[in-house]
Amino acid sequence: MNSYMVVAIFKDGVTQDEIRTLIPAEQVQAKILKEQGLLGDIKVAMPKRTVFLEAFGEDDANIVSTIKTLPFFDIWNIEIFQTTAPAGVTTSRL
């Protein structure tokens, strides 16, 4: 399985109320994906309206399929980056 960083930016026009409404469902689905080993750390930079998600899968298409299950997917613009371990690190998950 490969490691990816998904950078998700809330679309223009999405309100804080829309985001707050989806948070409970987002948390439930994120927990399920973490338990399945498909999602790792999630970091939020709300002043920049950006979310960073560590995701695991075989390829970009697999990652998109995983991220599409999150309720926030419809209100995000996403970019996907395959990551590599720093030099000297031999494990596939940091």
PDB file of N, CA and C in Angstrom:
ATOM      1  N   MET A   1       0.849  -1.174   0.000  1.00  0.00           N
ATOM      2  CA  MET A   1       0.000   0.000   0.000  1.00  0.00           C
ATOM      3  C   MET A   1       0.896   1.238   0.000  1.00  0.00           C
ATOM      4  N   ASN A   2       0.520   2.242  -0.747  1.00  0.00           N
ATOM      5  CA  ASN A   2       1.277   3.480  -0.854  1.00  0.00           C
ATOM      6  C   ASN A   2       0.708   4.541   0.081  1.00  0.00           C
ATOM      7  N   SER A   3       1.556   5.491   0.418  1.00  0.00           N
ATOM      8  CA  SER A   3       1.174   6.594   1.287  1.00  0.00           C
ATOM      9  C   SER A   3       0.924   7.843   0.437  1.00  0.00           C
ATOM     10  N   TYR A   4      -0.101   8.592   0.803  1.00  0.00           N
ATOM     11  CA  TYR A   4      -0.486   9.807   0.079  1.00  0.00           C
ATOM     12  C   TYR A   4      -0.810  10.917   1.062  1.00  0.00           C
ATOM     13  N   MET A   5      -0.642  12.148   0.596  1.00  0.00           N
ATOM     14  CA  MET A   5      -1.142  13.305   1.317  1.00  0.00           C
ATOM     15  C   MET A   5      -2.227  13.922   0.442  1.00  0.00           C
ATOM     16  N   VAL A   6      -3.400  14.072   1.022  1.00  0.00           N
ATOM     17  CA  VAL A   6      -4.513  14.705   0.323  1.00  0.00           C
ATOM     18  C   VAL A   6      -4.666  16.102   0.913  1.00  0.00           C
ATOM     19  N   VAL A   7      -4.598  17.105   0.050  1.00  0.00           N
ATOM     20  CA  VAL A   7      -4.796  18.485   0.470  1.00  0.00           C
ATOM     21  C   VAL A   7      -6.186  18.887   0.003  1.00  0.00           C
ATOM     22  N   ALA A   8      -7.036  19.175   0.970  1.00  0.00           N
ATOM     23  CA  ALA A   8      -8.438  19.489   0.680  1.00  0.00           C
ATOM     24  C   ALA A   8      -8.719  20.926   1.097  1.00  0.00           C
ATOM     25  N   ILE A   9      -9.174  21.717   0.156  1.00  0.00           N
ATOM     26  CA  ILE A   9      -9.502  23.119   0.430  1.00  0.00           C
ATOM     27  C   ILE A   9     -11.012  23.289   0.266  1.00  0.00           C
ATOM     28  N   PHE A  10     -11.627  23.890   1.280  1.00  0.00           N
ATOM     29  CA  PHE A  10     -13.066  24.127   1.190  1.00  0.00           C
ATOM     30  C   PHE A  10     -13.360  25.041   0.013  1.00  0.00           C
ATOM     31  N   LYS A  11     -14.358  24.671  -0.763  1.00  0.00           N
ATOM     32  CA  LYS A  11     -14.731  25.433  -1.953  1.00  0.00           C
ATOM     33  C   LYS A  11     -15.201  26.832  -1.567  1.00  0.00           C
ATOM     34  N   ASP A  12     -15.011  27.764  -2.485  1.00  0.00           N
ATOM     35  CA  ASP A  12     -15.503  29.119  -2.287  1.00  0.00           C
ATOM     36  C   ASP A  12     -17.012  29.075  -2.046  1.00  0.00           C
ATOM     37  N   GLY A  13     -17.459  29.863  -1.107  1.00  0.00           N
ATOM     38  CA  GLY A  13     -18.889  29.956  -0.829  1.00  0.00           C
ATOM     39  C   GLY A  13     -19.385  29.001   0.241  1.00  0.00           C
ATOM     40  N   VAL A  14     -18.575  28.020   0.630  1.00  0.00           N
ATOM     41  CA  VAL A  14     -18.978  27.090   1.694  1.00  0.00           C
ATOM     42  C   VAL A  14     -18.914  27.842   3.017  1.00  0.00           C
ATOM     43  N   THR A  15     -20.012  27.792   3.767  1.00  0.00           N
ATOM     44  CA  THR A  15     -20.093  28.544   5.021  1.00  0.00           C
ATOM     45  C   THR A  15     -19.663  27.692   6.219  1.00  0.00           C
ATOM     46  N   GLN A  16     -19.345  28.372   7.302  1.00  0.00           N
ATOM     47  CA  GLN A  16     -19.007  27.676   8.547  1.00  0.00           C
ATOM     48  C   GLN A  16     -20.185  26.824   9.016  1.00  0.00           C
ATOM     49  N   ASP A  17     -21.410  27.299   8.806  1.00  0.00           N
ATOM     50  CA  ASP A  17     -22.589  26.514   9.199  1.00  0.00           C
ATOM     51  C   ASP A  17     -22.671  25.211   8.406  1.00  0.00           C
ATOM     52  N   GLU A  18     -22.378  25.260   7.111  1.00  0.00           N
ATOM     53  CA  GLU A  18     -22.378  24.044   6.295  1.00  0.00           C
ATOM     54  C   GLU A  18     -21.324  23.058   6.803  1.00  0.00           C
ATOM     55  N   ILE A  19     -20.170  23.585   7.146  1.00  0.00           N
ATOM     56  CA  ILE A  19     -19.097  22.741   7.659  1.00  0.00           C
ATOM     57  C   ILE A  19     -19.505  22.121   8.992  1.00  0.00           C
ATOM     58  N   ARG A  20     -19.996  22.946   9.913  1.00  0.00           N
ATOM     59  CA  ARG A  20     -20.409  22.450  11.237  1.00  0.00           C
ATOM     60  C   ARG A  20     -21.480  21.366  11.132  1.00  0.00           C
ATOM     61  N   THR A  21     -22.389  21.508  10.199  1.00  0.00           N
ATOM     62  CA  THR A  21     -23.467  20.532  10.031  1.00  0.00           C
ATOM     63  C   THR A  21     -22.919  19.154   9.661  1.00  0.00           C
ATOM     64  N   LEU A  22     -21.847  19.115   8.883  1.00  0.00           N
ATOM     65  CA  LEU A  22     -21.287  17.848   8.407  1.00  0.00           C
ATOM     66  C   LEU A  22     -20.251  17.227   9.346  1.00  0.00           C
ATOM     67  N   ILE A  23     -19.786  17.976  10.338  1.00  0.00           N
ATOM     68  CA  ILE A  23     -18.704  17.480  11.201  1.00  0.00           C
ATOM     69  C   ILE A  23     -19.027  16.138  11.861  1.00  0.00           C
ATOM     70  N   PRO A  24     -20.203  15.939  12.484  1.00  0.00           N
ATOM     71  CA  PRO A  24     -20.439  14.640  13.136  1.00  0.00           C
ATOM     72  C   PRO A  24     -20.335  13.452  12.165  1.00  0.00           C
ATOM     73  N   ALA A  25     -20.930  13.565  10.999  1.00  0.00           N
ATOM     74  CA  ALA A  25     -20.863  12.476  10.019  1.00  0.00           C
ATOM     75  C   ALA A  25     -19.435  12.293   9.509  1.00  0.00           C
ATOM     76  N   GLU A  26     -18.706  13.389   9.348  1.00  0.00           N
ATOM     77  CA  GLU A  26     -17.309  13.333   8.902  1.00  0.00           C
ATOM     78  C   GLU A  26     -16.456  12.572   9.920  1.00  0.00           C
ATOM     79  N   GLN A  27     -16.664  12.858  11.201  1.00  0.00           N
ATOM     80  CA  GLN A  27     -15.891  12.197  12.249  1.00  0.00           C
ATOM     81  C   GLN A  27     -16.161  10.693  12.280  1.00  0.00           C
ATOM     82  N   VAL A  28     -17.411  10.308  12.108  1.00  0.00           N
ATOM     83  CA  VAL A  28     -17.769   8.883  12.107  1.00  0.00           C
ATOM     84  C   VAL A  28     -17.092   8.166  10.936  1.00  0.00           C
ATOM     85  N   GLN A  29     -17.197   8.737   9.736  1.00  0.00           N
ATOM     86  CA  GLN A  29     -16.614   8.095   8.558  1.00  0.00           C
ATOM     87  C   GLN A  29     -15.089   8.073   8.642  1.00  0.00           C
ATOM     88  N   ALA A  30     -14.475   9.138   9.136  1.00  0.00           N
ATOM     89  CA  ALA A  30     -13.020   9.170   9.280  1.00  0.00           C
ATOM     90  C   ALA A  30     -12.550   8.083  10.241  1.00  0.00           C
ATOM     91  N   LYS A  31     -13.283   7.870  11.307  1.00  0.00           N
ATOM     92  CA  LYS A  31     -12.929   6.806  12.268  1.00  0.00           C
ATOM     93  C   LYS A  31     -12.993   5.439  11.597  1.00  0.00           C
ATOM     94  N   ILE A  32     -14.016   5.207  10.801  1.00  0.00           N
ATOM     95  CA  ILE A  32     -14.149   3.927  10.081  1.00  0.00           C
ATOM     96  C   ILE A  32     -12.960   3.730   9.148  1.00  0.00           C
ATOM     97  N   LEU A  33     -12.604   4.767   8.396  1.00  0.00           N
ATOM     98  CA  LEU A  33     -11.486   4.667   7.455  1.00  0.00           C
ATOM     99  C   LEU A  33     -10.164   4.450   8.185  1.00  0.00           C
ATOM    100  N   LYS A  34      -9.992   5.074   9.345  1.00  0.00           N
ATOM    101  CA  LYS A  34      -8.782   4.852  10.137  1.00  0.00           C
ATOM    102  C   LYS A  34      -8.715   3.406  10.611  1.00  0.00           C
ATOM    103  N   GLU A  35      -9.838   2.883  11.079  1.00  0.00           N
ATOM    104  CA  GLU A  35      -9.876   1.496  11.543  1.00  0.00           C
ATOM    105  C   GLU A  35      -9.568   0.514  10.415  1.00  0.00           C
ATOM    106  N   GLN A  36      -9.904   0.875   9.193  1.00  0.00           N
ATOM    107  CA  GLN A  36      -9.627   0.039   8.023  1.00  0.00           C
ATOM    108  C   GLN A  36      -8.205   0.220   7.502  1.00  0.00           C
ATOM    109  N   GLY A  37      -7.460   1.136   8.084  1.00  0.00           N
ATOM    110  CA  GLY A  37      -6.096   1.394   7.655  1.00  0.00           C
ATOM    111  C   GLY A  37      -5.995   2.216   6.380  1.00  0.00           C
ATOM    112  N   LEU A  38      -7.068   2.897   6.011  1.00  0.00           N
ATOM    113  CA  LEU A  38      -7.091   3.694   4.781  1.00  0.00           C
ATOM    114  C   LEU A  38      -6.814   5.167   5.010  1.00  0.00           C
ATOM    115  N   LEU A  39      -6.901   5.590   6.263  1.00  0.00           N
ATOM    116  CA  LEU A  39      -6.712   6.995   6.608  1.00  0.00           C
ATOM    117  C   LEU A  39      -5.840   7.059   7.843  1.00  0.00           C
ATOM    118  N   GLY A  40      -4.924   8.019   7.854  1.00  0.00           N
ATOM    119  CA  GLY A  40      -4.048   8.232   9.007  1.00  0.00           C
ATOM    120  C   GLY A  40      -4.388   9.544   9.669  1.00  0.00           C
ATOM    121  N   ASP A  41      -3.372  10.352   9.866  1.00  0.00           N
ATOM    122  CA  ASP A  41      -3.560  11.642  10.527  1.00  0.00           C
ATOM    123  C   ASP A  41      -4.378  12.604   9.677  1.00  0.00           C
ATOM    124  N   ILE A  42      -5.140  13.435  10.363  1.00  0.00           N
ATOM    125  CA  ILE A  42      -5.897  14.507   9.726  1.00  0.00           C
ATOM    126  C   ILE A  42      -5.536  15.789  10.468  1.00  0.00           C
ATOM    127  N   LYS A  43      -5.112  16.783   9.724  1.00  0.00           N
ATOM    128  CA  LYS A  43      -4.755  18.076  10.312  1.00  0.00           C
ATOM    129  C   LYS A  43      -5.570  19.154   9.614  1.00  0.00           C
ATOM    130  N   VAL A  44      -6.066  20.091  10.402  1.00  0.00           N
ATOM    131  CA  VAL A  44      -6.917  21.150   9.872  1.00  0.00           C
ATOM    132  C   VAL A  44      -6.244  22.500  10.094  1.00  0.00           C
ATOM    133  N   ALA A  45      -6.190  23.315   9.040  1.00  0.00           N
ATOM    134  CA  ALA A  45      -5.710  24.696   9.116  1.00  0.00           C
ATOM    135  C   ALA A  45      -6.899  25.582   8.727  1.00  0.00           C
ATOM    136  N   MET A  46      -7.816  25.752   9.680  1.00  0.00           N
ATOM    137  CA  MET A  46      -9.074  26.442   9.365  1.00  0.00           C
ATOM    138  C   MET A  46      -8.875  27.869   8.892  1.00  0.00           C
ATOM    139  N   PRO A  47      -7.898  28.644   9.401  1.00  0.00           N
ATOM    140  CA  PRO A  47      -7.725  29.990   8.849  1.00  0.00           C
ATOM    141  C   PRO A  47      -7.443  29.971   7.339  1.00  0.00           C
ATOM    142  N   LYS A  48      -6.864  28.882   6.854  1.00  0.00           N
ATOM    143  CA  LYS A  48      -6.595  28.726   5.418  1.00  0.00           C
ATOM    144  C   LYS A  48      -7.657  27.864   4.741  1.00  0.00           C
ATOM    145  N   ARG A  49      -8.663  27.427   5.528  1.00  0.00           N
ATOM    146  CA  ARG A  49      -9.763  26.584   5.012  1.00  0.00           C
ATOM    147  C   ARG A  49      -9.217  25.343   4.305  1.00  0.00           C
ATOM    148  N   THR A  50      -8.177  24.757   4.909  1.00  0.00           N
ATOM    149  CA  THR A  50      -7.478  23.635   4.308  1.00  0.00           C
ATOM    150  C   THR A  50      -7.375  22.482   5.296  1.00  0.00           C
ATOM    151  N   VAL A  51      -7.553  21.259   4.770  1.00  0.00           N
ATOM    152  CA  VAL A  51      -7.434  20.042   5.555  1.00  0.00           C
ATOM    153  C   VAL A  51      -6.376  19.165   4.891  1.00  0.00           C
ATOM    154  N   PHE A  52      -5.498  18.581   5.713  1.00  0.00           N
ATOM    155  CA  PHE A  52      -4.457  17.674   5.235  1.00  0.00           C
ATOM    156  C   PHE A  52      -4.779  16.282   5.748  1.00  0.00           C
ATOM    157  N   LEU A  53      -4.928  15.333   4.829  1.00  0.00           N
ATOM    158  CA  LEU A  53      -5.289  13.971   5.207  1.00  0.00           C
ATOM    159  C   LEU A  53      -4.208  13.008   4.726  1.00  0.00           C
ATOM    160  N   GLU A  54      -3.737  12.175   5.630  1.00  0.00           N
ATOM    161  CA  GLU A  54      -2.823  11.106   5.273  1.00  0.00           C
ATOM    162  C   GLU A  54      -3.699   9.926   4.845  1.00  0.00           C
ATOM    163  N   ALA A  55      -3.469   9.412   3.654  1.00  0.00           N
ATOM    164  CA  ALA A  55      -4.295   8.323   3.142  1.00  0.00           C
ATOM    165  C   ALA A  55      -3.400   7.215   2.589  1.00  0.00           C
ATOM    166  N   PHE A  56      -3.941   5.998   2.568  1.00  0.00           N
ATOM    167  CA  PHE A  56      -3.182   4.837   2.117  1.00  0.00           C
ATOM    168  C   PHE A  56      -3.993   4.070   1.081  1.00  0.00           C
ATOM    169  N   GLY A  57      -3.337   3.718  -0.021  1.00  0.00           N
ATOM    170  CA  GLY A  57      -4.013   2.972  -1.080  1.00  0.00           C
ATOM    171  C   GLY A  57      -3.029   2.585  -2.165  1.00  0.00           C
ATOM    172  N   GLU A  58      -3.545   1.910  -3.171  1.00  0.00           N
ATOM    173  CA  GLU A  58      -2.702   1.409  -4.256  1.00  0.00           C
ATOM    174  C   GLU A  58      -2.328   2.480  -5.281  1.00  0.00           C
ATOM    175  N   ASP A  59      -3.260   3.401  -5.554  1.00  0.00           N
ATOM    176  CA  ASP A  59      -3.003   4.424  -6.568  1.00  0.00           C
ATOM    177  C   ASP A  59      -3.931   5.618  -6.335  1.00  0.00           C
ATOM    178  N   ASP A  60      -3.770   6.647  -7.173  1.00  0.00           N
ATOM    179  CA  ASP A  60      -4.585   7.862  -7.018  1.00  0.00           C
ATOM    180  C   ASP A  60      -6.081   7.568  -7.064  1.00  0.00           C
ATOM    181  N   ALA A  61      -6.480   6.701  -7.977  1.00  0.00           N
ATOM    182  CA  ALA A  61      -7.909   6.373  -8.119  1.00  0.00           C
ATOM    183  C   ALA A  61      -8.450   5.736  -6.845  1.00  0.00           C
ATOM    184  N   ASN A  62      -7.647   4.881  -6.231  1.00  0.00           N
ATOM    185  CA  ASN A  62      -8.041   4.232  -4.984  1.00  0.00           C
ATOM    186  C   ASN A  62      -8.206   5.267  -3.869  1.00  0.00           C
ATOM    187  N   ILE A  63      -7.298   6.244  -3.837  1.00  0.00           N
ATOM    188  CA  ILE A  63      -7.371   7.302  -2.823  1.00  0.00           C
ATOM    189  C   ILE A  63      -8.619   8.146  -3.034  1.00  0.00           C
ATOM    190  N   VAL A  64      -8.918   8.498  -4.272  1.00  0.00           N
ATOM    191  CA  VAL A  64     -10.129   9.279  -4.560  1.00  0.00           C
ATOM    192  C   VAL A  64     -11.362   8.502  -4.094  1.00  0.00           C
ATOM    193  N   SER A  65     -11.403   7.213  -4.356  1.00  0.00           N
ATOM    194  CA  SER A  65     -12.544   6.392  -3.918  1.00  0.00           C
ATOM    195  C   SER A  65     -12.707   6.446  -2.407  1.00  0.00           C
ATOM    196  N   THR A  66     -11.606   6.413  -1.692  1.00  0.00           N
ATOM    197  CA  THR A  66     -11.664   6.496  -0.228  1.00  0.00           C
ATOM    198  C   THR A  66     -12.150   7.865   0.220  1.00  0.00           C
ATOM    199  N   ILE A  67     -11.555   8.923  -0.316  1.00  0.00           N
ATOM    200  CA  ILE A  67     -11.898  10.282   0.104  1.00  0.00           C
ATOM    201  C   ILE A  67     -13.341  10.628  -0.259  1.00  0.00           C
ATOM    202  N   LYS A  68     -13.847  10.058  -1.345  1.00  0.00           N
ATOM    203  CA  LYS A  68     -15.245  10.308  -1.746  1.00  0.00           C
ATOM    204  C   LYS A  68     -16.243   9.836  -0.699  1.00  0.00           C
ATOM    205  N   THR A  69     -15.842   8.916   0.183  1.00  0.00           N
ATOM    206  CA  THR A  69     -16.769   8.436   1.207  1.00  0.00           C
ATOM    207  C   THR A  69     -16.921   9.418   2.358  1.00  0.00           C
ATOM    208  N   LEU A  70     -16.054  10.419   2.418  1.00  0.00           N
ATOM    209  CA  LEU A  70     -16.155  11.419   3.479  1.00  0.00           C
ATOM    210  C   LEU A  70     -17.222  12.464   3.133  1.00  0.00           C
ATOM    211  N   PRO A  71     -18.068  12.818   4.089  1.00  0.00           N
ATOM    212  CA  PRO A  71     -19.115  13.806   3.826  1.00  0.00           C
ATOM    213  C   PRO A  71     -18.604  15.155   3.327  1.00  0.00           C
ATOM    214  N   PHE A  72     -17.399  15.557   3.712  1.00  0.00           N
ATOM    215  CA  PHE A  72     -16.849  16.827   3.249  1.00  0.00           C
ATOM    216  C   PHE A  72     -16.441  16.808   1.775  1.00  0.00           C
ATOM    217  N   PHE A  73     -16.345  15.636   1.167  1.00  0.00           N
ATOM    218  CA  PHE A  73     -15.838  15.538  -0.201  1.00  0.00           C
ATOM    219  C   PHE A  73     -16.537  16.513  -1.152  1.00  0.00           C
ATOM    220  N   ASP A  74     -17.838  16.630  -1.040  1.00  0.00           N
ATOM    221  CA  ASP A  74     -18.595  17.490  -1.961  1.00  0.00           C
ATOM    222  C   ASP A  74     -18.329  18.982  -1.769  1.00  0.00           C
ATOM    223  N   ILE A  75     -17.752  19.354  -0.642  1.00  0.00           N
ATOM    224  CA  ILE A  75     -17.489  20.770  -0.405  1.00  0.00           C
ATOM    225  C   ILE A  75     -15.989  21.083  -0.429  1.00  0.00           C
ATOM    226  N   TRP A  76     -15.200  20.134  -0.914  1.00  0.00           N
ATOM    227  CA  TRP A  76     -13.752  20.290  -1.029  1.00  0.00           C
ATOM    228  C   TRP A  76     -13.306  20.315  -2.479  1.00  0.00           C
ATOM    229  N   ASN A  77     -12.218  21.002  -2.734  1.00  0.00           N
ATOM    230  CA  ASN A  77     -11.383  20.808  -3.917  1.00  0.00           C
ATOM    231  C   ASN A  77     -10.161  20.067  -3.388  1.00  0.00           C
ATOM    232  N   ILE A  78      -9.786  18.963  -4.044  1.00  0.00           N
ATOM    233  CA  ILE A  78      -8.680  18.174  -3.509  1.00  0.00           C
ATOM    234  C   ILE A  78      -7.520  18.057  -4.493  1.00  0.00           C
ATOM    235  N   GLU A  79      -6.340  17.889  -3.925  1.00  0.00           N
ATOM    236  CA  GLU A  79      -5.140  17.521  -4.666  1.00  0.00           C
ATOM    237  C   GLU A  79      -4.548  16.325  -3.935  1.00  0.00           C
ATOM    238  N   ILE A  80      -3.981  15.391  -4.696  1.00  0.00           N
ATOM    239  CA  ILE A  80      -3.433  14.166  -4.121  1.00  0.00           C
ATOM    240  C   ILE A  80      -1.957  14.080  -4.478  1.00  0.00           C
ATOM    241  N   PHE A  81      -1.145  13.783  -3.461  1.00  0.00           N
ATOM    242  CA  PHE A  81       0.293  13.672  -3.648  1.00  0.00           C
ATOM    243  C   PHE A  81       0.773  12.352  -3.057  1.00  0.00           C
ATOM    244  N   GLN A  82       1.404  11.506  -3.868  1.00  0.00           N
ATOM    245  CA  GLN A  82       2.013  10.309  -3.313  1.00  0.00           C
ATOM    246  C   GLN A  82       3.254  10.739  -2.547  1.00  0.00           C
ATOM    247  N   THR A  83       3.453  10.170  -1.378  1.00  0.00           N
ATOM    248  CA  THR A  83       4.582  10.551  -0.546  1.00  0.00           C
ATOM    249  C   THR A  83       5.595   9.414  -0.460  1.00  0.00           C
ATOM    250  N   THR A  84       6.783   9.769  -0.045  1.00  0.00           N
ATOM    251  CA  THR A  84       7.830   8.790   0.194  1.00  0.00           C
ATOM    252  C   THR A  84       8.401   9.043   1.583  1.00  0.00           C
ATOM    253  N   ALA A  85       8.954   8.010   2.169  1.00  0.00           N
ATOM    254  CA  ALA A  85       9.562   8.136   3.493  1.00  0.00           C
ATOM    255  C   ALA A  85      10.843   8.957   3.385  1.00  0.00           C
ATOM    256  N   PRO A  86      11.197   9.677   4.443  1.00  0.00           N
ATOM    257  CA  PRO A  86      12.465  10.410   4.434  1.00  0.00           C
ATOM    258  C   PRO A  86      13.643   9.444   4.276  1.00  0.00           C
ATOM    259  N   ALA A  87      14.738   9.938   3.776  1.00  0.00           N
ATOM    260  CA  ALA A  87      15.939   9.119   3.605  1.00  0.00           C
ATOM    261  C   ALA A  87      16.291   8.411   4.901  1.00  0.00           C
ATOM    262  N   GLY A  88      16.578   7.129   4.805  1.00  0.00           N
ATOM    263  CA  GLY A  88      16.966   6.356   5.977  1.00  0.00           C
ATOM    264  C   GLY A  88      15.825   5.663   6.695  1.00  0.00           C
ATOM    265  N   VAL A  89      14.595   6.000   6.366  1.00  0.00           N
ATOM    266  CA  VAL A  89      13.434   5.354   6.987  1.00  0.00           C
ATOM    267  C   VAL A  89      13.001   4.208   6.094  1.00  0.00           C
ATOM    268  N   THR A  90      12.867   3.018   6.666  1.00  0.00           N
ATOM    269  CA  THR A  90      12.563   1.847   5.846  1.00  0.00           C
ATOM    270  C   THR A  90      11.136   1.343   6.001  1.00  0.00           C
ATOM    271  N   THR A  91      10.356   1.871   6.926  1.00  0.00           N
ATOM    272  CA  THR A  91       8.986   1.402   7.090  1.00  0.00           C
ATOM    273  C   THR A  91       8.063   2.106   6.114  1.00  0.00           C
ATOM    274  N   SER A  92       6.966   1.438   5.737  1.00  0.00           N
ATOM    275  CA  SER A  92       6.023   2.037   4.803  1.00  0.00           C
ATOM    276  C   SER A  92       5.083   3.023   5.479  1.00  0.00           C
ATOM    277  N   ARG A  93       4.929   2.922   6.808  1.00  0.00           N
ATOM    278  CA  ARG A  93       4.094   3.862   7.552  1.00  0.00           C
ATOM    279  C   ARG A  93       4.936   4.491   8.639  1.00  0.00           C
ATOM    280  N   LEU A  94       4.944   5.800   8.694  1.00  0.00           N
ATOM    281  CA  LEU A  94       5.746   6.509   9.690  1.00  0.00           C
ATOM    282  C   LEU A  94       5.007   6.593  10.993  1.00  0.00           C
TER     283      LEU A  94
END
